[in-house]
Structure formats: C-alpha cells, structure tokens
Amino acid sequence: MIAAQRRICGPLLALACLIAVPPALAHAQAPAGASPGSEEHDHASAGSGEAESRDGRTPSPAGAYVYIGWPQDGTVIHSTRFKVWFGARNIGVAPSGVRVPGTGHHHLLIDAPLPSDLTSAIPSDKSHLHFGLGETETVIELPPGRHTLQLLMADADHVPHNPPLFSRRITIYVRPSPSARVSSAE
C-alpha cells in the first residue's frame, strides 16, 4: 500500500514557484550527483521553447529537466516510510489547472514504466501519484523490497509536455526499520 503525505508551498513560496527562473540563473546549481558543467543530469532533454506545439500539447521550455533529489539511485532506506523530493530546472512548478507558460507539475511513478502514450493524461493510481497542488516533495510508504521511482512532469491537464520531461528511473531498496520488526518471542 502506498500512502502519500504532501507538503504544500506557503502562499508566498507558491507565488514564487509560478515565476519562471531565467536560464542564466537556473544553471547556477546542478542537480545532486551531477558535477558542475556536466551533461549527466537526470533528465530527458527538452527544448523547443515554441509558443505552441504542433500537436496542441504544451511545449517544454528550452533546456528544462526534472530529477529526483532524494533518494538517489541505489539508496538503501531503513524505513518503509520516507521522504522523496523533486527537482526541476528551467521550468516553473504550478498547480494543475493553472495555465502559465513554462510551468507544469510533478507526477511520481512508482514501480511503473513511463506511460506508453505520452500524448494523453497520465493515469492516477497507486503507481502514478499526481502532485497537482504544485508539491515539490512527499512522504511515501512502500513495503520492504526493491522499488523504482521516476518523475514525469505534466501540464495543467496532466498531459506530458512536448517533448516529455522525465527524470532518470532510479532503483531504491526499502528495508524495515529495526523498531518495526516483530520479535520472534511474541
């Protein structure tokens, strides 16, 4: 079972989330695990910057990418409940339904591949969590074992941008915390 607890930006921060960061400033900080100036960001490169996509989908801002800031690929987590935080560069984060150029909102894919149709709305189920309030982090609960996580950014209507913006798919290993183990004497 997956439980999600979402953190919402305060009113002033939410307003700041809607303002696009100029590209010159956005590249000042690389995502965790990437060396400055490296092209090994956890992203699918975007970038037409066109006013409107030929197929009617929302265009990706030039140079935009998304990534999972924590946990990192290969992390062993010693708790079934943990925080996941999302990163985005050269694209603003806005709630679903808000139509501001150069923005979108996160979707977290858990133990699921990218949807086969990236021109339609992303499904909403236990493997496709929607963060339509503009959240940039969450707390999830996963059973012990191997799991995959991947971010997929979408527009106001939950449809991926053109081209789609998605993070690298990471693998994590969830272990129960020592206090959560049931004693064999009971």
C-alpha atoms as a PDB file:
ATOM      1  CA  MET A   1       0.000   0.000   0.000  1.00  0.00           C
ATOM      2  CA  ILE A   2       1.271   3.429  -0.842  1.00  0.00           C
ATOM      3  CA  ALA A   3       0.453   6.333   1.411  1.00  0.00           C
ATOM      4  CA  ALA A   4       1.423   9.836   0.383  1.00  0.00           C
ATOM      5  CA  GLN A   5       1.627  12.880   2.584  1.00  0.00           C
ATOM      6  CA  ARG A   6       2.237  16.041   0.615  1.00  0.00           C
ATOM      7  CA  ARG A   7       3.911  19.271   1.605  1.00  0.00           C
ATOM      8  CA  ILE A   8       2.454  22.368   0.007  1.00  0.00           C
ATOM      9  CA  CYS A   9       4.377  25.586  -0.526  1.00  0.00           C
ATOM     10  CA  GLY A  10       3.222  28.521   1.622  1.00  0.00           C
ATOM     11  CA  PRO A  11       1.356  31.359  -0.163  1.00  0.00           C
ATOM     12  CA  LEU A  12       4.468  33.451  -0.825  1.00  0.00           C
ATOM     13  CA  LEU A  13       6.548  30.473  -1.931  1.00  0.00           C
ATOM     14  CA  ALA A  14       3.700  29.243  -4.150  1.00  0.00           C
ATOM     15  CA  LEU A  15       3.693  32.610  -5.896  1.00  0.00           C
ATOM     16  CA  ALA A  16       7.461  32.358  -6.346  1.00  0.00           C
ATOM     17  CA  CYS A  17       7.006  28.844  -7.800  1.00  0.00           C
ATOM     18  CA  LEU A  18       4.924  30.341 -10.599  1.00  0.00           C
ATOM     19  CA  ILE A  19       7.680  32.714 -11.681  1.00  0.00           C
ATOM     20  CA  ALA A  20       9.993  31.239 -14.312  1.00  0.00           C
ATOM     21  CA  VAL A  21      13.683  31.350 -13.414  1.00  0.00           C
ATOM     22  CA  PRO A  22      15.866  32.974 -16.074  1.00  0.00           C
ATOM     23  CA  PRO A  23      18.050  30.300 -17.759  1.00  0.00           C
ATOM     24  CA  ALA A  24      21.262  32.049 -16.733  1.00  0.00           C
ATOM     25  CA  LEU A  25      20.322  31.697 -13.047  1.00  0.00           C
ATOM     26  CA  ALA A  26      18.771  28.253 -13.321  1.00  0.00           C
ATOM     27  CA  HIS A  27      22.051  26.664 -14.422  1.00  0.00           C
ATOM     28  CA  ALA A  28      23.879  28.067 -11.389  1.00  0.00           C
ATOM     29  CA  GLN A  29      23.148  24.896  -9.412  1.00  0.00           C
ATOM     30  CA  ALA A  30      23.383  21.375 -10.822  1.00  0.00           C
ATOM     31  CA  PRO A  31      21.213  18.539  -9.505  1.00  0.00           C
ATOM     32  CA  ALA A  32      22.559  16.308  -6.746  1.00  0.00           C
ATOM     33  CA  GLY A  33      25.096  13.873  -8.096  1.00  0.00           C
ATOM     34  CA  ALA A  34      25.899  15.922 -11.203  1.00  0.00           C
ATOM     35  CA  SER A  35      29.191  17.740 -11.448  1.00  0.00           C
ATOM     36  CA  PRO A  36      29.044  21.407 -12.476  1.00  0.00           C
ATOM     37  CA  GLY A  37      29.141  21.802 -16.228  1.00  0.00           C
ATOM     38  CA  SER A  38      28.380  18.117 -16.723  1.00  0.00           C
ATOM     39  CA  GLU A  39      25.675  16.994 -19.092  1.00  0.00           C
ATOM     40  CA  GLU A  40      24.804  13.984 -16.917  1.00  0.00           C
ATOM     41  CA  HIS A  41      21.647  15.454 -15.419  1.00  0.00           C
ATOM     42  CA  ASP A  42      18.793  13.099 -14.546  1.00  0.00           C
ATOM     43  CA  HIS A  43      16.551  14.318 -17.335  1.00  0.00           C
ATOM     44  CA  ALA A  44      15.200  13.926 -20.769  1.00  0.00           C
ATOM     45  CA  SER A  45      16.422  16.944 -22.652  1.00  0.00           C
ATOM     46  CA  ALA A  46      13.743  19.373 -23.612  1.00  0.00           C
ATOM     47  CA  GLY A  47      13.657  22.190 -25.597  1.00  0.00           C
ATOM     48  CA  SER A  48      11.811  23.717 -28.383  1.00  0.00           C
ATOM     49  CA  GLY A  49      10.627  26.722 -26.399  1.00  0.00           C
ATOM     50  CA  GLU A  50       7.974  27.144 -29.115  1.00  0.00           C
ATOM     51  CA  ALA A  51       4.844  29.116 -28.294  1.00  0.00           C
ATOM     52  CA  GLU A  52       2.650  26.107 -29.111  1.00  0.00           C
ATOM     53  CA  SER A  53       3.354  22.527 -30.057  1.00  0.00           C
ATOM     54  CA  ARG A  54       2.193  21.289 -33.463  1.00  0.00           C
ATOM     55  CA  ASP A  55       0.035  18.602 -31.829  1.00  0.00           C
ATOM     56  CA  GLY A  56      -1.621  21.031 -29.380  1.00  0.00           C
ATOM     57  CA  ARG A  57       0.384  19.832 -26.356  1.00  0.00           C
ATOM     58  CA  THR A  58       2.182  22.239 -24.064  1.00  0.00           C
ATOM     59  CA  PRO A  59       5.759  22.775 -25.244  1.00  0.00           C
ATOM     60  CA  SER A  60       8.654  22.079 -22.892  1.00  0.00           C
ATOM     61  CA  PRO A  61      10.706  25.167 -22.025  1.00  0.00           C
ATOM     62  CA  ALA A  62      14.145  25.186 -23.654  1.00  0.00           C
ATOM     63  CA  GLY A  63      16.708  23.375 -21.512  1.00  0.00           C
ATOM     64  CA  ALA A  64      14.170  22.189 -18.908  1.00  0.00           C
ATOM     65  CA  TYR A  65      14.729  18.987 -16.950  1.00  0.00           C
ATOM     66  CA  VAL A  66      13.448  17.229 -13.839  1.00  0.00           C
ATOM     67  CA  TYR A  67      15.201  14.952 -11.378  1.00  0.00           C
ATOM     68  CA  ILE A  68      14.756  13.163  -8.062  1.00  0.00           C
ATOM     69  CA  GLY A  69      16.887  14.955  -5.476  1.00  0.00           C
ATOM     70  CA  TRP A  70      16.456  12.276  -2.814  1.00  0.00           C
ATOM     71  CA  PRO A  71      16.657   9.345  -2.561  1.00  0.00           C
ATOM     72  CA  GLN A  72      19.433   8.722  -5.028  1.00  0.00           C
ATOM     73  CA  ASP A  73      19.811   5.674  -7.258  1.00  0.00           C
ATOM     74  CA  GLY A  74      20.858   2.610  -5.254  1.00  0.00           C
ATOM     75  CA  THR A  75      19.941   4.064  -1.846  1.00  0.00           C
ATOM     76  CA  VAL A  76      19.061   1.554   0.877  1.00  0.00           C
ATOM     77  CA  ILE A  77      16.341   3.098   3.038  1.00  0.00           C
ATOM     78  CA  HIS A  78      15.942   1.652   6.531  1.00  0.00           C
ATOM     79  CA  SER A  79      12.300   2.595   6.917  1.00  0.00           C
ATOM     80  CA  THR A  80       9.135   1.822   4.993  1.00  0.00           C
ATOM     81  CA  ARG A  81       8.092   5.479   5.270  1.00  0.00           C
ATOM     82  CA  PHE A  82      10.397   8.108   3.771  1.00  0.00           C
ATOM     83  CA  LYS A  83      10.591  11.473   2.047  1.00  0.00           C
ATOM     84  CA  VAL A  84      11.096  11.932  -1.707  1.00  0.00           C
ATOM     85  CA  TRP A  85      11.972  15.363  -3.063  1.00  0.00           C
ATOM     86  CA  PHE A  86      11.662  16.527  -6.633  1.00  0.00           C
ATOM     87  CA  GLY A  87      13.883  18.884  -8.589  1.00  0.00           C
ATOM     88  CA  ALA A  88      13.164  20.944 -11.689  1.00  0.00           C
ATOM     89  CA  ARG A  89      15.335  23.347 -13.657  1.00  0.00           C
ATOM     90  CA  ASN A  90      14.319  25.872 -16.322  1.00  0.00           C
ATOM     91  CA  ILE A  91      10.633  25.129 -15.697  1.00  0.00           C
ATOM     92  CA  GLY A  92       8.331  26.554 -13.040  1.00  0.00           C
ATOM     93  CA  VAL A  93       6.096  24.460 -10.812  1.00  0.00           C
ATOM     94  CA  ALA A  94       2.413  25.370 -10.782  1.00  0.00           C
ATOM     95  CA  PRO A  95      -0.753  23.594  -9.621  1.00  0.00           C
ATOM     96  CA  SER A  96      -2.760  21.593 -12.133  1.00  0.00           C
ATOM     97  CA  GLY A  97      -5.330  23.722 -13.903  1.00  0.00           C
ATOM     98  CA  VAL A  98      -3.012  26.758 -13.856  1.00  0.00           C
ATOM     99  CA  ARG A  99      -2.029  27.739 -17.383  1.00  0.00           C
ATOM    100  CA  VAL A 100       1.171  29.741 -17.090  1.00  0.00           C
ATOM    101  CA  PRO A 101       3.734  29.323 -19.900  1.00  0.00           C
ATOM    102  CA  GLY A 102       6.870  27.463 -18.845  1.00  0.00           C
ATOM    103  CA  THR A 103       5.256  25.617 -15.911  1.00  0.00           C
ATOM    104  CA  GLY A 104       3.962  22.161 -15.005  1.00  0.00           C
ATOM    105  CA  HIS A 105       3.522  19.860 -12.025  1.00  0.00           C
ATOM    106  CA  HIS A 106       5.131  16.620 -10.913  1.00  0.00           C
ATOM    107  CA  HIS A 107       3.922  13.022 -11.150  1.00  0.00           C
ATOM    108  CA  LEU A 108       5.799  10.267  -9.327  1.00  0.00           C
ATOM    109  CA  LEU A 109       5.862   6.870 -10.999  1.00  0.00           C
ATOM    110  CA  ILE A 110       6.391   4.047  -8.504  1.00  0.00           C
ATOM    111  CA  ASP A 111       7.348   0.606  -9.819  1.00  0.00           C
ATOM    112  CA  ALA A 112       5.941   1.570 -13.212  1.00  0.00           C
ATOM    113  CA  PRO A 113       7.422   2.380 -16.628  1.00  0.00           C
ATOM    114  CA  LEU A 114       6.666   5.635 -18.406  1.00  0.00           C
ATOM    115  CA  PRO A 115       3.143   5.561 -19.851  1.00  0.00           C
ATOM    116  CA  SER A 116       3.116   4.151 -23.383  1.00  0.00           C
ATOM    117  CA  ASP A 117       1.064   7.138 -24.596  1.00  0.00           C
ATOM    118  CA  LEU A 118       2.808  10.375 -23.648  1.00  0.00           C
ATOM    119  CA  THR A 119       0.225  12.457 -25.553  1.00  0.00           C
ATOM    120  CA  SER A 120      -2.634  11.707 -23.108  1.00  0.00           C
ATOM    121  CA  ALA A 121      -3.281  12.467 -19.442  1.00  0.00           C
ATOM    122  CA  ILE A 122      -1.134  10.491 -17.005  1.00  0.00           C
ATOM    123  CA  PRO A 123      -3.164   7.824 -15.172  1.00  0.00           C
ATOM    124  CA  SER A 124      -3.904   8.381 -11.493  1.00  0.00           C
ATOM    125  CA  ASP A 125      -3.431   5.244  -9.397  1.00  0.00           C
ATOM    126  CA  LYS A 126      -1.123   3.750  -6.754  1.00  0.00           C
ATOM    127  CA  SER A 127       1.754   3.660  -9.268  1.00  0.00           C
ATOM    128  CA  HIS A 128       1.169   7.156 -10.733  1.00  0.00           C
ATOM    129  CA  LEU A 129       0.943   9.761  -7.960  1.00  0.00           C
ATOM    130  CA  HIS A 130      -0.210  13.244  -9.012  1.00  0.00           C
ATOM    131  CA  PHE A 131       1.096  16.360  -7.271  1.00  0.00           C
ATOM    132  CA  GLY A 132      -1.445  18.763  -8.699  1.00  0.00           C
ATOM    133  CA  LEU A 133      -1.120  21.312  -5.892  1.00  0.00           C
ATOM    134  CA  GLY A 134       2.422  22.097  -7.005  1.00  0.00           C
ATOM    135  CA  GLU A 135       4.157  19.998  -4.336  1.00  0.00           C
ATOM    136  CA  THR A 136       7.903  19.505  -4.633  1.00  0.00           C
ATOM    137  CA  GLU A 137       8.281  16.747  -2.057  1.00  0.00           C
ATOM    138  CA  THR A 138       6.238  13.976  -0.484  1.00  0.00           C
ATOM    139  CA  VAL A 139       6.394  11.232   2.110  1.00  0.00           C
ATOM    140  CA  ILE A 140       5.569   7.781   0.773  1.00  0.00           C
ATOM    141  CA  GLU A 141       5.261   4.369   2.353  1.00  0.00           C
ATOM    142  CA  LEU A 142       6.447   1.301   0.467  1.00  0.00           C
ATOM    143  CA  PRO A 143       6.748  -2.327   1.556  1.00  0.00           C
ATOM    144  CA  PRO A 144      10.235  -3.751   2.041  1.00  0.00           C
ATOM    145  CA  GLY A 145      11.975  -4.715  -1.196  1.00  0.00           C
ATOM    146  CA  ARG A 146      13.312  -3.295  -4.451  1.00  0.00           C
ATOM    147  CA  HIS A 147      11.383  -0.348  -5.945  1.00  0.00           C
ATOM    148  CA  THR A 148      11.765   2.080  -8.830  1.00  0.00           C
ATOM    149  CA  LEU A 149      10.921   5.797  -8.813  1.00  0.00           C
ATOM    150  CA  GLN A 150      10.698   8.215 -11.735  1.00  0.00           C
ATOM    151  CA  LEU A 151       9.308  11.734 -12.172  1.00  0.00           C
ATOM    152  CA  LEU A 152       7.201  12.828 -15.119  1.00  0.00           C
ATOM    153  CA  MET A 153       6.259  16.494 -15.499  1.00  0.00           C
ATOM    154  CA  ALA A 154       2.884  17.423 -16.965  1.00  0.00           C
ATOM    155  CA  ASP A 155       0.897  20.500 -17.947  1.00  0.00           C
ATOM    156  CA  ALA A 156      -2.281  21.933 -16.415  1.00  0.00           C
ATOM    157  CA  ASP A 157      -4.295  18.973 -17.768  1.00  0.00           C
ATOM    158  CA  HIS A 158      -1.899  16.218 -16.564  1.00  0.00           C
ATOM    159  CA  VAL A 159      -0.596  15.693 -20.125  1.00  0.00           C
ATOM    160  CA  PRO A 160       3.195  15.411 -20.523  1.00  0.00           C
ATOM    161  CA  HIS A 161       4.916  18.323 -22.253  1.00  0.00           C
ATOM    162  CA  ASN A 162       6.244  18.122 -25.802  1.00  0.00           C
ATOM    163  CA  PRO A 163       8.900  16.778 -25.675  1.00  0.00           C
ATOM    164  CA  PRO A 164       8.149  14.956 -22.403  1.00  0.00           C
ATOM    165  CA  LEU A 165      10.158  15.904 -19.299  1.00  0.00           C
ATOM    166  CA  PHE A 166      11.042  12.910 -17.159  1.00  0.00           C
ATOM    167  CA  SER A 167      13.783  12.019 -14.712  1.00  0.00           C
ATOM    168  CA  ARG A 168      16.076   9.068 -14.837  1.00  0.00           C
ATOM    169  CA  ARG A 169      14.392   5.994 -13.354  1.00  0.00           C
ATOM    170  CA  ILE A 170      16.085   5.126 -10.067  1.00  0.00           C
ATOM    171  CA  THR A 171      16.107   1.927  -8.022  1.00  0.00           C
ATOM    172  CA  ILE A 172      15.878   2.002  -4.232  1.00  0.00           C
ATOM    173  CA  TYR A 173      15.884  -0.757  -1.612  1.00  0.00           C
ATOM    174  CA  VAL A 174      13.445  -0.446   1.277  1.00  0.00           C
ATOM    175  CA  ARG A 175      14.277  -2.283   4.499  1.00  0.00           C
ATOM    176  CA  PRO A 176      12.064  -2.301   7.590  1.00  0.00           C
ATOM    177  CA  SER A 177      13.363  -0.172  10.461  1.00  0.00           C
ATOM    178  CA  PRO A 178      14.713  -2.210  13.403  1.00  0.00           C
ATOM    179  CA  SER A 179      11.908  -0.906  15.656  1.00  0.00           C
ATOM    180  CA  ALA A 180       9.287  -2.106  13.149  1.00  0.00           C
ATOM    181  CA  ARG A 181      10.431  -5.736  13.295  1.00  0.00           C
ATOM    182  CA  VAL A 182       8.254  -8.163  15.199  1.00  0.00           C
ATOM    183  CA  SER A 183      10.071 -10.115  17.819  1.00  0.00           C
ATOM    184  CA  SER A 184      10.023 -13.896  17.382  1.00  0.00           C
ATOM    185  CA  ALA A 185       9.365 -14.258  21.130  1.00  0.00           C
ATOM    186  CA  GLU A 186       5.909 -12.674  20.871  1.00  0.00           C
END
